[in-house]
Amino acid sequence: MTKLKVNLEELEEDKEKNFQDRLKFIDLLVEHIKSTPDEQWSREQVAVINKNKRK
């Protein structure tokens, strides 16, 4: 059986980068929602929902 070596510093750095990436995505999404007319945003949401419906 081989032992898995984990670099905790690298793992923590990856975790922080992932968190920052998520925050940037949220900012972009909020800006998109604020700047998109309701009718267009609604159509986009319907497309996302319909694409993800179970068949």
Protein backbone atom coordinates (compact mmCIF):
# COMPACT_ATOMS: atom_id res chain seq x y z
CA MET A 1 0.00 0.00 0.00
CA THR A 2 1.41 3.41 -0.94
CA LYS A 3 1.07 6.41 1.33
CA LEU A 4 -0.34 9.60 -0.09
CA LYS A 5 1.73 12.69 0.70
CA VAL A 6 -0.24 15.92 0.96
CA ASN A 7 1.34 19.33 0.95
CA LEU A 8 -0.91 21.24 3.35
CA GLU A 9 0.47 24.63 2.33
CA GLU A 10 -0.29 23.93 -1.33
CA LEU A 11 -3.74 22.66 -0.41
CA GLU A 12 -4.44 25.83 1.59
CA GLU A 13 -3.24 28.00 -1.32
CA ASP A 14 -5.51 26.12 -3.73
CA LYS A 15 -8.41 26.55 -1.33
CA GLU A 16 -7.84 30.31 -1.09
CA LYS A 17 -7.51 30.66 -4.89
CA ASN A 18 -10.74 28.72 -5.36
CA PHE A 19 -12.50 30.98 -2.86
CA GLN A 20 -11.25 34.12 -4.63
CA ASP A 21 -12.30 32.73 -8.01
CA ARG A 22 -15.79 32.09 -6.67
CA LEU A 23 -16.05 35.64 -5.34
CA LYS A 24 -14.99 37.03 -8.74
CA PHE A 25 -17.61 34.86 -10.44
CA ILE A 26 -20.31 36.11 -8.06
CA ASP A 27 -19.33 39.73 -8.81
CA LEU A 28 -19.53 39.05 -12.55
CA LEU A 29 -22.90 37.34 -12.21
CA VAL A 30 -24.33 40.18 -10.12
CA GLU A 31 -23.12 42.73 -12.66
CA HIS A 32 -24.71 40.69 -15.47
CA ILE A 33 -28.02 40.47 -13.61
CA LYS A 34 -28.04 44.21 -12.86
CA SER A 35 -27.19 45.22 -16.42
CA THR A 36 -29.49 42.78 -18.25
CA PRO A 37 -33.13 43.68 -19.00
CA ASP A 38 -35.63 41.53 -17.09
CA GLU A 39 -37.05 39.95 -20.24
CA GLN A 40 -33.64 38.80 -21.47
CA TRP A 41 -32.56 37.59 -18.02
CA SER A 42 -35.82 35.63 -17.70
CA ARG A 43 -35.26 33.93 -21.07
CA GLU A 44 -31.73 33.00 -20.03
CA GLN A 45 -32.99 31.48 -16.78
CA VAL A 46 -35.68 29.47 -18.59
CA ALA A 47 -32.99 28.12 -20.93
CA VAL A 48 -30.80 27.07 -17.99
CA ILE A 49 -33.71 25.43 -16.17
CA ASN A 50 -34.96 23.61 -19.24
CA LYS A 51 -31.47 22.39 -20.10
CA ASN A 52 -31.09 20.88 -16.65
CA LYS A 53 -34.49 19.21 -16.40
CA ARG A 54 -34.45 15.47 -16.05
CA LYS A 55 -35.72 13.63 -19.07
